[in-house]
Amino acid sequence: MNQKRSTVLVVEDEPSIRKLFNISLEGAGYKVVECDNGNEAVRLAASVKPELILLDLGLPDIDGKKVIAIIREWSQTPIIVCSVRNSDQEIVKALETGADDYVTKPFNPDVLLARIQANLRKAVTQEVGEPELANGRLHMDLVRHEVLMDGKKIVFTPKEYDLLRYFLVHLGKMLTHKQILREVWGAAHIEDMQYLRVYVSQLREKIEPDPTTPTYIVTEPGIGYRMENYSENDPALAAAKAIA
């Protein structure tokens, strides 16, 4: 089973530079999707929904700034421009169009990775308020896509991760079956109740002290599920630790 990784869409028409991006990004633990033109970049941004886009401006079909403008009509995905164009005017235009950052070529791979990390952290902070989510013994790093229980890393499949994240973002709230299915799997799956039960069972196996008597993800009979809101002083949390 594959662990959830942040996806970076690389839009670059030079094969040698794309290869360099791939080596650096894959080595840092990112999943890379690539293309060499602007129209394909727009299509992939919509279909793949990457966590970040790394974009060249000098593309063979349309200018990179046009790509930024199109994507910004429907998405706030972080976009880092990486271009040989180094004039102040060009940089300002890209940023005003909607780019989040600008790196000139040739670039230092370590600096680029730091910029990517910073923009990913900013994006998740804007979305949920903090780059990390926590509930008692459970901690989720939204930038690194890591989940820790009592400080120990637990491996989740991408869909398990998305479901757990949804529960943590809506901590303490009663969530209906259809609401969860629509937000995590999409509108086409709102009737797949058995599908949801299977994934909730898998989550419980990984995070519950006793999966047969869940204390984190509890069932609301006939309605859906709720993730209980724990605190370090909660007696229920102390009981859960005693079982573990």
Protein backbone atom coordinates (compact mmCIF):
# COMPACT_ATOMS: atom_id res chain seq x y z
CA MET A 1 0.00 0.00 0.00
CA ASN A 2 1.30 3.43 -0.96
CA GLN A 3 1.59 6.18 1.60
CA LYS A 4 0.03 9.56 0.85
CA ARG A 5 2.52 11.98 -0.73
CA SER A 6 2.18 15.57 -1.87
CA THR A 7 1.84 15.74 -5.66
CA VAL A 8 3.80 18.37 -7.58
CA LEU A 9 2.82 19.14 -11.17
CA VAL A 10 5.95 20.06 -13.15
CA VAL A 11 5.29 22.13 -16.29
CA GLU A 12 8.56 22.39 -18.24
CA ASP A 13 9.34 21.90 -21.95
CA GLU A 14 13.07 21.18 -21.54
CA PRO A 15 13.55 17.40 -20.96
CA SER A 16 16.86 17.86 -19.12
CA ILE A 17 15.33 20.33 -16.65
CA ARG A 18 12.28 18.09 -16.16
CA LYS A 19 14.66 15.26 -15.32
CA LEU A 20 16.44 17.45 -12.75
CA PHE A 21 13.08 18.39 -11.19
CA ASN A 22 12.09 14.72 -11.03
CA ILE A 23 15.31 13.66 -9.34
CA SER A 24 15.13 16.45 -6.75
CA LEU A 25 11.41 16.12 -6.00
CA GLU A 26 11.24 12.32 -5.92
CA GLY A 27 14.33 12.30 -3.69
CA ALA A 28 12.54 14.64 -1.28
CA GLY A 29 9.50 12.35 -1.12
CA TYR A 30 7.12 14.12 -3.53
CA LYS A 31 5.04 12.47 -6.23
CA VAL A 32 5.74 14.09 -9.60
CA VAL A 33 3.34 14.55 -12.52
CA GLU A 34 4.85 16.29 -15.54
CA CYS A 35 3.96 17.85 -18.87
CA ASP A 36 5.65 20.08 -21.45
CA ASN A 37 2.94 22.56 -22.49
CA GLY A 38 0.40 24.97 -21.04
CA ASN A 39 -2.84 23.38 -22.26
CA GLU A 40 -1.87 20.04 -20.77
CA ALA A 41 -0.90 21.80 -17.56
CA VAL A 42 -4.40 23.26 -17.20
CA ARG A 43 -5.97 19.85 -17.85
CA LEU A 44 -3.73 18.11 -15.32
CA ALA A 45 -4.26 20.83 -12.71
CA ALA A 46 -7.99 20.08 -12.91
CA SER A 47 -7.83 16.29 -13.11
CA VAL A 48 -4.87 15.43 -10.86
CA LYS A 49 -5.44 18.26 -8.36
CA PRO A 50 -1.77 18.57 -7.33
CA GLU A 51 -0.80 20.14 -4.02
CA LEU A 52 1.63 22.47 -5.87
CA ILE A 53 2.49 23.49 -9.45
CA LEU A 54 6.05 24.21 -10.62
CA LEU A 55 5.70 26.25 -13.81
CA ASP A 56 8.00 27.49 -16.56
CA LEU A 57 6.84 30.63 -18.41
CA GLY A 58 8.35 29.95 -21.85
CA LEU A 59 6.05 27.15 -23.00
CA PRO A 60 5.60 26.13 -26.66
CA ASP A 61 1.83 26.74 -26.90
CA ILE A 62 0.76 29.46 -24.44
CA ASP A 63 2.70 31.71 -22.10
CA GLY A 64 3.01 30.55 -18.51
CA LYS A 65 1.28 33.68 -17.21
CA LYS A 66 -1.81 32.69 -19.22
CA VAL A 67 -1.68 29.26 -17.54
CA ILE A 68 -1.62 30.97 -14.14
CA ALA A 69 -4.59 33.17 -15.05
CA ILE A 70 -6.67 30.20 -16.24
CA ILE A 71 -5.93 28.08 -13.17
CA ARG A 72 -6.64 31.01 -10.84
CA GLU A 73 -10.20 31.17 -12.19
CA TRP A 74 -11.05 28.03 -10.21
CA SER A 75 -8.11 26.99 -8.03
CA GLN A 76 -5.82 28.44 -5.34
CA THR A 77 -3.22 25.67 -5.70
CA PRO A 78 0.23 27.13 -4.91
CA ILE A 79 2.13 27.99 -8.11
CA ILE A 80 5.89 28.53 -8.14
CA VAL A 81 7.28 29.97 -11.36
CA CYS A 82 10.72 28.67 -12.32
CA SER A 83 11.99 30.63 -15.33
CA VAL A 84 15.05 32.11 -17.03
CA ARG A 85 13.16 35.41 -17.23
CA ASN A 86 14.72 37.43 -14.44
CA SER A 87 13.58 41.00 -15.05
CA ASP A 88 11.69 42.73 -12.25
CA GLN A 89 8.84 43.49 -14.64
CA GLU A 90 8.41 39.81 -15.57
CA ILE A 91 8.49 38.69 -11.95
CA VAL A 92 5.96 41.33 -10.89
CA LYS A 93 3.59 40.39 -13.74
CA ALA A 94 3.70 36.70 -12.80
CA LEU A 95 3.05 37.45 -9.13
CA GLU A 96 0.23 39.86 -9.96
CA THR A 97 -1.37 37.25 -12.22
CA GLY A 98 -1.52 34.83 -9.31
CA ALA A 99 1.84 33.07 -8.86
CA ASP A 100 2.81 32.47 -5.23
CA ASP A 101 6.57 32.48 -5.70
CA TYR A 102 9.25 32.98 -8.36
CA VAL A 103 12.59 31.19 -8.77
CA THR A 104 15.00 32.12 -11.56
CA LYS A 105 17.07 29.60 -13.53
CA PRO A 106 19.66 28.35 -12.95
CA PHE A 107 18.44 27.45 -9.48
CA ASN A 108 19.80 25.79 -6.37
CA PRO A 109 17.80 22.55 -5.84
CA ASP A 110 17.93 22.93 -2.04
CA VAL A 111 16.54 26.47 -2.26
CA LEU A 112 13.77 25.30 -4.59
CA LEU A 113 12.81 22.48 -2.21
CA ALA A 114 12.71 24.96 0.68
CA ARG A 115 10.41 27.23 -1.34
CA ILE A 116 8.14 24.28 -2.14
CA GLN A 117 7.96 23.27 1.52
CA ALA A 118 7.20 26.84 2.60
CA ASN A 119 4.41 27.23 0.04
CA LEU A 120 2.84 23.88 0.93
CA ARG A 121 2.86 24.82 4.60
CA LYS A 122 1.28 28.17 3.82
CA ALA A 123 -1.43 26.50 1.73
CA VAL A 124 -2.52 24.02 4.40
CA THR A 125 -2.40 26.73 7.06
CA GLN A 126 -4.78 28.86 5.00
CA GLU A 127 -7.08 25.87 4.49
CA VAL A 128 -7.43 24.53 8.04
CA GLY A 129 -5.72 27.17 10.20
CA GLU A 130 -2.69 25.08 11.18
CA PRO A 131 -0.17 22.91 9.28
CA GLU A 132 -0.77 20.15 11.85
CA LEU A 133 -3.93 18.57 13.25
CA ALA A 134 -4.02 16.84 16.62
CA ASN A 135 -6.47 14.93 18.78
CA GLY A 136 -5.11 13.40 21.97
CA ARG A 137 -2.50 10.79 21.07
CA LEU A 138 -3.10 11.34 17.35
CA HIS A 139 -1.12 13.91 15.31
CA MET A 140 -1.27 14.62 11.55
CA ASP A 141 1.32 16.71 9.69
CA LEU A 142 -0.50 18.06 6.63
CA VAL A 143 2.70 19.12 4.86
CA ARG A 144 4.67 15.91 5.30
CA HIS A 145 1.52 13.75 5.01
CA GLU A 146 2.53 11.90 8.17
CA VAL A 147 0.34 10.51 10.94
CA LEU A 148 1.77 9.79 14.40
CA MET A 149 0.20 7.91 17.28
CA ASP A 150 2.08 8.44 20.54
CA GLY A 151 4.96 9.76 18.42
CA LYS A 152 5.13 6.61 16.28
CA LYS A 153 4.55 6.92 12.54
CA ILE A 154 1.59 5.00 11.09
CA VAL A 155 1.35 4.27 7.37
CA PHE A 156 -1.97 5.04 5.66
CA THR A 157 -3.13 4.55 2.10
CA PRO A 158 -3.96 7.85 0.31
CA LYS A 159 -7.72 7.38 0.76
CA GLU A 160 -7.37 6.37 4.43
CA TYR A 161 -5.30 9.53 4.95
CA ASP A 162 -7.94 11.70 3.26
CA LEU A 163 -10.70 10.19 5.39
CA LEU A 164 -8.75 10.63 8.63
CA ARG A 165 -7.95 14.22 7.69
CA TYR A 166 -11.64 14.91 7.08
CA PHE A 167 -12.52 13.56 10.52
CA LEU A 168 -9.79 15.66 12.18
CA VAL A 169 -10.76 18.85 10.36
CA HIS A 170 -14.34 18.32 11.57
CA LEU A 171 -13.35 17.18 15.04
CA GLY A 172 -16.30 16.65 17.39
CA LYS A 173 -18.91 17.13 14.65
CA MET A 174 -21.55 14.56 13.71
CA LEU A 175 -21.02 13.75 10.02
CA THR A 176 -23.57 11.95 7.87
CA HIS A 177 -22.66 9.02 5.62
CA LYS A 178 -23.49 10.98 2.47
CA GLN A 179 -21.62 14.05 3.66
CA ILE A 180 -18.43 12.06 4.23
CA LEU A 181 -18.73 10.15 0.96
CA ARG A 182 -19.36 13.31 -1.05
CA GLU A 183 -16.44 15.26 0.45
CA VAL A 184 -13.85 12.45 0.51
CA TRP A 185 -14.82 10.34 -2.54
CA GLY A 186 -16.98 12.68 -4.63
CA ALA A 187 -20.66 13.06 -5.51
CA ALA A 188 -20.70 9.86 -7.58
CA HIS A 189 -20.12 7.79 -4.41
CA ILE A 190 -22.71 9.20 -1.99
CA GLU A 191 -24.63 5.90 -1.92
CA ASP A 192 -21.58 3.67 -1.30
CA MET A 193 -22.28 3.09 2.40
CA GLN A 194 -20.49 -0.26 2.52
CA TYR A 195 -17.43 1.35 0.97
CA LEU A 196 -17.34 3.89 3.80
CA ARG A 197 -17.82 1.24 6.49
CA VAL A 198 -14.83 -0.70 5.17
CA TYR A 199 -12.56 2.36 5.30
CA VAL A 200 -13.75 3.40 8.75
CA SER A 201 -12.98 -0.13 9.95
CA GLN A 202 -9.47 0.14 8.47
CA LEU A 203 -8.90 3.46 10.25
CA ARG A 204 -10.05 1.99 13.54
CA GLU A 205 -7.60 -0.89 13.17
CA LYS A 206 -4.77 1.63 12.94
CA ILE A 207 -5.69 4.28 15.53
CA GLU A 208 -8.01 2.70 18.10
CA PRO A 209 -6.59 1.05 21.25
CA ASP A 210 -9.40 -1.51 20.90
CA PRO A 211 -11.01 -1.44 17.41
CA THR A 212 -13.99 -3.47 18.66
CA THR A 213 -14.82 -0.68 21.12
CA PRO A 214 -13.86 2.51 19.25
CA THR A 215 -13.19 5.64 21.28
CA TYR A 216 -11.86 7.91 18.53
CA ILE A 217 -14.23 7.36 15.59
CA VAL A 218 -17.66 6.58 17.02
CA THR A 219 -20.78 5.53 15.13
CA GLU A 220 -23.88 7.69 15.14
CA PRO A 221 -26.51 4.95 14.50
CA GLY A 222 -28.48 5.59 11.33
CA ILE A 223 -26.67 8.88 10.71
CA GLY A 224 -22.91 8.55 10.25
CA TYR A 225 -19.77 9.01 12.35
CA ARG A 226 -18.11 11.46 14.70
CA MET A 227 -14.49 11.80 15.80
CA GLU A 228 -14.49 12.40 19.54
CA ASN A 229 -12.58 15.47 20.68
CA TYR A 230 -9.93 14.42 23.18
CA SER A 231 -7.67 16.56 25.36
CA GLU A 232 -4.73 15.57 27.50
CA ASN A 233 -6.92 15.95 30.61
CA ASP A 234 -9.81 13.89 29.23
CA PRO A 235 -10.41 10.81 31.44
CA ALA A 236 -11.50 8.89 28.34
CA LEU A 237 -8.05 9.50 26.85
CA ALA A 238 -6.39 8.22 29.99
CA ALA A 239 -8.52 5.08 29.77
CA ALA A 240 -7.57 4.63 26.12
CA LYS A 241 -3.87 4.92 27.00
CA ALA A 242 -4.29 2.32 29.72
CA ILE A 243 -5.71 -0.12 27.15
CA ALA A 244 -2.91 0.52 24.66
